[in-house]
Protein backbone atom coordinates (compact mmCIF):
# COMPACT_ATOMS: atom_id res chain seq x y z
CA MET A 1 -0.22 -17.05 19.94
CA TYR A 2 3.23 -16.07 21.16
CA ILE A 3 2.99 -12.42 22.32
CA PRO A 4 5.97 -10.65 23.95
CA LYS A 5 4.60 -8.14 26.45
CA HIS A 6 5.56 -5.05 24.42
CA PHE A 7 3.50 -6.35 21.45
CA ASN A 8 0.37 -7.24 23.42
CA ILE A 9 -2.91 -5.43 22.67
CA ASP A 10 -4.88 -5.31 25.92
CA ASN A 11 -7.38 -2.60 24.96
CA GLU A 12 -10.75 -4.22 24.19
CA GLU A 13 -11.99 -1.27 22.13
CA VAL A 14 -8.87 -1.38 19.93
CA ILE A 15 -9.35 -5.12 19.39
CA TYR A 16 -13.03 -4.75 18.49
CA GLU A 17 -12.33 -1.91 16.06
CA PHE A 18 -9.64 -4.03 14.41
CA ILE A 19 -12.00 -7.00 14.00
CA GLU A 20 -14.66 -4.77 12.47
CA LYS A 21 -12.20 -3.17 10.06
CA HIS A 22 -10.40 -6.40 9.06
CA SER A 23 -13.43 -8.68 9.15
CA PHE A 24 -12.39 -11.20 6.49
CA ALA A 25 -11.14 -13.97 8.74
CA THR A 26 -9.76 -17.51 8.77
CA LEU A 27 -11.74 -20.04 10.82
CA PHE A 28 -9.82 -23.11 12.02
CA SER A 29 -11.21 -26.33 13.46
CA GLN A 30 -10.55 -30.05 13.40
CA HIS A 31 -12.28 -31.96 10.60
CA ASN A 32 -11.87 -35.72 10.23
CA GLY A 33 -8.94 -35.56 12.65
CA GLU A 34 -7.01 -32.93 10.68
CA PRO A 35 -6.71 -29.11 10.83
CA TYR A 36 -9.21 -27.45 8.50
CA ALA A 37 -9.68 -23.78 7.60
CA THR A 38 -12.26 -21.62 5.86
CA HIS A 39 -11.77 -18.01 4.75
CA LEU A 40 -14.89 -15.92 5.24
CA PRO A 41 -16.26 -12.57 6.46
CA LEU A 42 -17.54 -12.45 10.03
CA LEU A 43 -19.69 -9.93 11.89
CA LEU A 44 -18.94 -8.93 15.46
CA ASN A 45 -21.70 -8.42 18.01
CA ARG A 46 -19.93 -6.70 20.88
CA GLU A 47 -22.88 -6.73 23.28
CA GLU A 48 -23.56 -10.46 22.96
CA GLY A 49 -19.92 -11.53 22.59
CA PHE A 50 -20.56 -13.38 19.33
CA LEU A 51 -19.14 -13.59 15.83
CA TYR A 52 -21.69 -14.35 13.11
CA GLY A 53 -21.12 -15.91 9.70
CA HIS A 54 -22.15 -18.66 7.34
CA PHE A 55 -20.58 -21.64 5.57
CA ALA A 56 -21.34 -22.84 2.08
CA ARG A 57 -23.45 -25.93 2.77
CA GLN A 58 -21.13 -28.04 0.60
CA ASN A 59 -18.19 -27.07 2.82
CA PRO A 60 -17.80 -30.13 5.12
CA GLN A 61 -16.25 -28.13 7.97
CA TRP A 62 -19.64 -27.37 9.55
CA LYS A 63 -20.61 -31.03 9.85
CA ASP A 64 -18.39 -31.83 12.84
CA ILE A 65 -17.49 -28.38 14.19
CA VAL A 66 -20.21 -27.96 16.82
CA GLY A 67 -18.78 -28.20 20.33
CA GLN A 68 -15.19 -27.71 19.23
CA ASN A 69 -13.05 -24.89 20.59
CA VAL A 70 -12.36 -23.10 17.31
CA LEU A 71 -9.79 -20.45 16.40
CA VAL A 72 -10.55 -17.40 14.27
CA ILE A 73 -7.70 -15.25 12.96
CA PHE A 74 -8.15 -11.67 11.81
CA GLN A 75 -5.07 -10.53 9.88
CA GLY A 76 -4.29 -6.85 9.42
CA PRO A 77 -1.55 -4.97 7.55
CA HIS A 78 1.95 -6.44 7.50
CA CYS A 79 5.29 -5.60 5.92
CA TYR A 80 9.02 -6.31 5.76
CA ILE A 81 11.39 -4.19 7.87
CA SER A 82 15.01 -3.80 6.68
CA PRO A 83 17.88 -3.02 9.08
CA SER A 84 19.33 -0.78 6.36
CA TRP A 85 16.58 1.71 7.14
CA TYR A 86 18.08 2.54 10.52
CA GLU A 87 21.72 2.47 9.46
CA THR A 88 23.17 -0.50 11.28
CA ASN A 89 24.59 -3.87 10.31
CA GLN A 90 24.15 -5.22 13.82
CA ALA A 91 20.56 -6.27 13.31
CA VAL A 92 18.47 -8.68 11.27
CA PRO A 93 15.38 -8.10 9.09
CA THR A 94 11.96 -8.60 10.61
CA TRP A 95 8.26 -8.35 9.79
CA ASN A 96 5.78 -5.94 11.35
CA TYR A 97 2.12 -6.94 11.55
CA VAL A 98 -1.12 -6.88 13.49
CA ALA A 99 -3.24 -9.96 14.19
CA ILE A 100 -6.14 -10.90 16.46
CA HIS A 101 -6.90 -14.47 17.56
CA VAL A 102 -10.39 -15.28 18.81
CA TYR A 103 -11.21 -18.59 20.50
CA GLY A 104 -14.71 -19.88 21.16
CA LYS A 105 -17.48 -22.42 20.69
CA LEU A 106 -19.45 -22.54 17.44
CA GLU A 107 -23.21 -23.05 17.26
CA ILE A 108 -25.25 -23.68 14.11
CA VAL A 109 -28.05 -21.12 13.64
CA GLU A 110 -31.20 -22.96 12.59
CA GLU A 111 -33.79 -20.17 12.65
CA GLU A 112 -34.29 -18.81 9.11
CA LYS A 113 -35.04 -15.28 10.32
CA ASP A 114 -31.85 -15.15 12.38
CA VAL A 115 -29.79 -16.29 9.39
CA PHE A 116 -31.48 -13.75 7.12
CA ASP A 117 -31.00 -10.93 9.64
CA SER A 118 -27.30 -11.72 9.88
CA LEU A 119 -27.03 -11.67 6.07
CA VAL A 120 -28.78 -8.30 5.95
CA ASP A 121 -26.36 -6.93 8.55
CA MET A 122 -23.40 -8.24 6.58
CA VAL A 123 -24.57 -6.76 3.28
CA ASN A 124 -25.29 -3.41 4.95
CA LYS A 125 -21.81 -3.39 6.45
CA TYR A 126 -20.07 -3.65 3.08
CA GLU A 127 -22.44 -1.78 0.78
CA LYS A 128 -21.89 1.97 0.49
CA PRO A 129 -24.37 4.08 2.50
CA ASP A 130 -25.91 5.44 -0.71
CA SER A 131 -26.06 2.02 -2.41
CA SER A 132 -29.30 1.08 -4.12
CA TYR A 133 -28.80 -2.59 -3.22
CA HIS A 134 -30.62 -3.90 -0.15
CA LEU A 135 -31.06 -7.59 0.56
CA GLU A 136 -34.56 -6.92 1.90
CA ASN A 137 -35.60 -5.85 -1.61
CA VAL A 138 -34.58 -9.12 -3.23
CA ASP A 139 -37.43 -11.48 -4.08
CA GLU A 140 -38.27 -13.58 -1.03
CA SER A 141 -38.48 -16.87 -2.95
CA PHE A 142 -35.06 -16.23 -4.49
CA ILE A 143 -33.56 -15.53 -1.06
CA LYS A 144 -35.08 -18.72 0.36
CA GLY A 145 -33.65 -20.72 -2.51
CA MET A 146 -30.18 -19.26 -2.11
CA SER A 147 -30.33 -19.69 1.67
CA LYS A 148 -30.60 -23.45 1.24
CA GLY A 149 -27.00 -23.37 0.06
CA ILE A 150 -25.59 -21.92 3.30
CA VAL A 151 -25.31 -22.87 6.96
CA GLY A 152 -25.48 -19.98 9.42
CA PHE A 153 -23.47 -20.03 12.61
CA LYS A 154 -22.36 -17.97 15.58
CA ILE A 155 -19.25 -18.23 17.73
CA GLN A 156 -19.37 -17.21 21.38
CA PHE A 157 -15.82 -16.20 22.12
CA ASN A 158 -14.16 -17.13 25.39
CA LYS A 159 -10.67 -15.74 24.77
CA ILE A 160 -9.21 -13.01 22.57
CA GLU A 161 -5.54 -12.33 21.94
CA GLY A 162 -4.22 -9.27 20.16
CA LYS A 163 -0.71 -8.69 18.84
CA ALA A 164 0.67 -5.53 17.24
CA LYS A 165 4.33 -6.04 16.31
CA LEU A 166 5.27 -2.48 15.38
CA SER A 167 8.98 -2.22 16.31
CA GLN A 168 8.13 -1.17 19.88
CA ASN A 169 11.24 -3.06 21.03
CA HIS A 170 13.45 -0.55 19.18
CA PRO A 171 14.46 2.96 20.30
CA THR A 172 12.15 5.82 19.31
CA GLU A 173 14.67 7.23 16.85
CA ARG A 174 14.87 3.92 15.04
CA GLN A 175 11.08 3.61 14.89
CA GLU A 176 10.90 7.09 13.33
CA LEU A 177 13.40 6.08 10.65
CA ILE A 178 11.33 2.98 9.86
CA ILE A 179 8.18 5.08 9.60
CA LYS A 180 9.90 7.46 7.19
CA GLN A 181 10.92 4.59 4.91
CA LEU A 182 7.45 3.04 4.99
CA GLU A 183 5.76 6.35 4.21
CA ASN A 184 7.87 6.67 1.06
CA SER A 185 6.46 3.40 -0.23
CA LYS A 186 3.48 3.03 -2.58
CA ASP A 187 2.52 -0.27 -0.99
CA GLN A 188 -0.67 0.10 1.06
CA ASN A 189 0.50 -2.40 3.69
CA ASN A 190 3.63 -0.34 4.30
CA ILE A 191 1.62 2.86 4.58
CA HIS A 192 -0.86 1.32 7.02
CA ILE A 193 1.93 -0.05 9.20
CA ALA A 194 3.54 3.42 9.22
CA GLN A 195 0.26 4.93 10.39
CA LEU A 196 -0.08 2.36 13.17
CA MET A 197 3.51 2.93 14.26
CA LYS A 198 2.91 6.68 14.43
CA ALA A 199 -0.16 6.15 16.57
CA GLN A 200 1.80 3.76 18.80
CA LEU A 201 4.53 6.35 19.36
CA LYS A 202 1.97 8.99 20.35
CA ASN A 203 0.63 6.67 23.02
């Protein structure tokens, strides 16, 4: 990923928090000699340095992915930035966004318990704390039947790149004008970018 130095995220904690918050990712590999992508939620294990997930068994991507150096993209908020917001005609529009790229080797998880444990962790992550739904309470035979339709995997990452393009290359006054415009929007992407820009200015 092309990352000018003022857009680079080099704080590991910030990157991990971003992955955990924006965990619906795009996994790229080569399949039959062509680029191939799957969109799916992934769980981060910080201590082990792994991402965990599962394919639908009918998805052919898993059949030749083992051993490849794969790319996982986590996409965060993004929005259009107009030069009219900072009162100049000597500029061009741009797009602010945050993205994390993770590179690593994928392994298929064969052990049923490991696959089930990762599914439990994933459900617990997205269910509300007071939810009455727990995967452990689902009939074991039903779970085993459904599990035949998935292929569990883990990715040990060997490189992570983080980019936060938040108008850091503009003067502070201009950034503040952009934030003001974004905060007046009802679009959630705009509001989230404004919040990230505010935090960036404080740092």
